[in-house]
Amino acid sequence: MQTRIAYVIPDENPFTDWEITQRYAPEGTITEQIVQKHSAAIAKVRAVIKQAELDGVIP
């Protein structure tokens, strides 16, 4: 019997407050709170990808 593992990322989109114009925004425009929120979201996705790699699901 084969076991199936689900790789799940959160449903909410933590980047709804991001716009392309922010890429070249003046320093101080992007708050530490926004950076922390985006960094936490990226860490969750990276963890899912890493687990899938460790499980051999993706190379």
Protein backbone atom coordinates (compact mmCIF):
# COMPACT_ATOMS: atom_id res chain seq x y z
CA MET A 1 0.00 0.00 0.00
CA GLN A 2 1.39 3.38 -1.02
CA THR A 3 1.15 6.29 1.39
CA ARG A 4 0.24 9.68 -0.04
CA ILE A 5 1.58 12.83 1.52
CA ALA A 6 -0.06 16.19 0.99
CA TYR A 7 2.12 19.22 0.47
CA VAL A 8 0.02 22.20 1.46
CA ILE A 9 0.70 25.90 1.45
CA PRO A 10 -1.65 28.35 3.17
CA ASP A 11 -4.72 29.52 1.22
CA GLU A 12 -4.29 33.18 2.08
CA ASN A 13 -2.09 35.29 -0.16
CA PRO A 14 0.34 37.26 2.01
CA PHE A 15 1.45 39.32 -0.99
CA THR A 16 -1.83 41.12 -1.67
CA ASP A 17 -0.21 44.30 -0.35
CA TRP A 18 2.69 44.10 -2.80
CA GLU A 19 2.84 46.08 -6.04
CA ILE A 20 5.51 46.10 -8.73
CA THR A 21 6.09 49.80 -8.14
CA GLN A 22 7.44 48.95 -4.68
CA ARG A 23 10.46 47.33 -6.31
CA TYR A 24 12.11 50.73 -6.69
CA ALA A 25 10.33 52.48 -3.81
CA PRO A 26 12.31 54.90 -1.67
CA GLU A 27 13.94 53.49 1.44
CA GLY A 28 11.55 53.39 4.38
CA THR A 29 8.47 52.94 2.20
CA ILE A 30 8.28 49.23 2.94
CA THR A 31 7.84 48.63 6.65
CA GLU A 32 9.52 45.98 8.79
CA GLN A 33 6.08 44.46 9.41
CA ILE A 34 5.56 43.92 5.67
CA VAL A 35 9.04 42.42 5.30
CA GLN A 36 8.42 40.03 8.20
CA LYS A 37 5.04 38.96 6.78
CA HIS A 38 6.51 38.27 3.35
CA SER A 39 9.56 36.49 4.81
CA ALA A 40 7.33 34.21 6.90
CA ALA A 41 5.27 33.31 3.84
CA ILE A 42 8.38 32.54 1.81
CA ALA A 43 9.71 30.35 4.63
CA LYS A 44 6.49 28.29 4.61
CA VAL A 45 6.71 27.68 0.87
CA ARG A 46 10.42 26.84 1.08
CA ALA A 47 9.69 24.31 3.85
CA VAL A 48 7.05 22.58 1.72
CA ILE A 49 9.42 22.42 -1.25
CA LYS A 50 12.28 21.14 0.90
CA GLN A 51 10.10 18.39 2.37
CA ALA A 52 8.97 17.36 -1.11
CA GLU A 53 12.63 17.18 -2.18
CA LEU A 54 13.55 15.10 0.87
CA ASP A 55 10.65 12.76 0.14
CA GLY A 56 11.83 12.38 -3.46
CA VAL A 57 8.66 13.89 -4.90
CA ILE A 58 10.63 16.56 -6.78
CA PRO A 59 14.31 16.41 -7.77
